[in-house]
Protein backbone atom coordinates (compact mmCIF):
# COMPACT_ATOMS: atom_id res chain seq x y z
CA UNK A 1 -0.12 -0.14 0.03
CA UNK A 2 2.70 2.52 0.95
CA UNK A 3 4.55 1.96 -2.37
CA UNK A 4 1.67 2.52 -4.65
CA UNK A 5 0.99 5.43 -2.61
CA UNK A 6 4.67 6.82 -3.19
CA UNK A 7 4.49 5.76 -6.81
CA UNK A 8 1.20 7.61 -7.22
CA UNK A 9 2.79 10.88 -5.91
CA UNK A 10 6.33 10.41 -7.74
CA UNK A 11 5.49 9.18 -11.17
CA UNK A 12 3.20 12.13 -12.35
CA UNK A 13 6.05 14.72 -11.27
CA UNK A 14 8.69 12.36 -13.25
CA UNK A 15 6.03 12.81 -16.35
CA UNK A 16 6.08 16.49 -16.01
CA UNK A 17 9.44 16.95 -17.99
CA UNK A 18 7.60 15.31 -21.09
CA UNK A 19 5.48 18.13 -21.90
CA UNK A 20 7.71 20.12 -24.31
CA UNK A 21 10.05 17.86 -26.25
CA UNK A 22 11.58 19.78 -29.16
CA UNK A 23 10.77 18.20 -32.48
CA UNK A 24 11.42 18.63 -36.22
CA UNK A 25 8.97 18.23 -38.82
CA UNK A 26 10.72 16.49 -41.73
CA UNK A 27 8.15 15.37 -44.86
CA UNK A 28 5.33 15.45 -42.19
CA UNK A 29 7.07 13.23 -39.66
CA UNK A 30 8.01 14.60 -36.29
CA UNK A 31 11.61 13.46 -35.28
CA UNK A 32 12.85 14.30 -31.85
CA UNK A 33 15.40 17.04 -31.98
CA UNK A 34 18.13 14.57 -30.38
CA UNK A 35 18.08 12.37 -33.08
CA UNK A 36 18.92 15.01 -35.81
CA UNK A 37 21.71 16.17 -33.85
CA UNK A 38 23.13 12.34 -33.52
CA UNK A 39 22.73 11.91 -36.96
CA UNK A 40 24.59 15.04 -37.90
CA UNK A 41 27.45 14.34 -35.32
CA UNK A 42 28.10 11.04 -36.80
CA UNK A 43 28.50 12.60 -40.30
CA UNK A 44 30.78 15.24 -38.91
CA UNK A 45 32.63 12.48 -36.99
CA UNK A 46 32.90 10.67 -40.25
CA UNK A 47 34.34 13.87 -41.74
CA UNK A 48 37.02 14.38 -39.05
CA UNK A 49 38.10 10.86 -39.26
CA UNK A 50 38.71 11.39 -42.87
CA UNK A 51 41.00 14.65 -42.08
CA UNK A 52 42.60 12.86 -39.18
CA UNK A 53 43.44 10.07 -41.88
CA UNK A 54 44.63 12.58 -44.33
CA UNK A 55 46.99 14.27 -42.12
CA UNK A 56 48.56 11.38 -40.33
CA UNK A 57 47.19 11.64 -36.99
CA UNK A 58 44.71 8.54 -37.30
CA UNK A 59 47.72 6.05 -36.88
CA UNK A 60 49.13 7.82 -33.76
CA UNK A 61 45.60 7.00 -32.09
CA UNK A 62 46.01 4.29 -29.39
CA UNK A 63 41.97 3.67 -29.06
CA UNK A 64 40.62 4.80 -32.18
CA UNK A 65 37.03 3.69 -31.43
CA UNK A 66 36.90 5.56 -28.07
CA UNK A 67 38.37 8.49 -29.63
CA UNK A 68 35.87 8.77 -32.31
CA UNK A 69 33.00 7.74 -30.14
CA UNK A 70 34.22 10.77 -27.90
CA UNK A 71 34.22 12.97 -30.76
CA UNK A 72 30.99 12.01 -31.88
CA UNK A 73 29.14 12.64 -28.14
CA UNK A 74 31.28 15.80 -27.85
CA UNK A 75 29.70 17.04 -31.42
CA UNK A 76 26.32 15.66 -30.16
CA UNK A 77 26.24 17.86 -27.54
CA UNK A 78 27.51 20.52 -29.04
CA UNK A 79 24.97 20.63 -31.93
CA UNK A 80 22.12 20.37 -29.33
CA UNK A 81 23.51 23.66 -27.72
CA UNK A 82 23.80 25.57 -31.00
CA UNK A 83 20.20 24.72 -32.14
CA UNK A 84 18.24 24.09 -29.32
CA UNK A 85 20.09 25.94 -26.08
CA UNK A 86 18.88 28.85 -24.45
């Protein structure tokens, strides 16, 4: 009984943040803004990798997967701040 009462109080408070999710209308379908930022960040990370290969930096990286994953995450957050930050 106590758990049900707590859940009835806490869950509506947790769902209050779902009211205003930024979405983009693309050809009549609404996509979450984070998905667009992540897709653009992945494309930019591929471009960063191509530049790193061209200048010879890619062979010097000991953990390429971790490095490029970090670049993609940083670019995702940066794009989110640029387009949707206040």
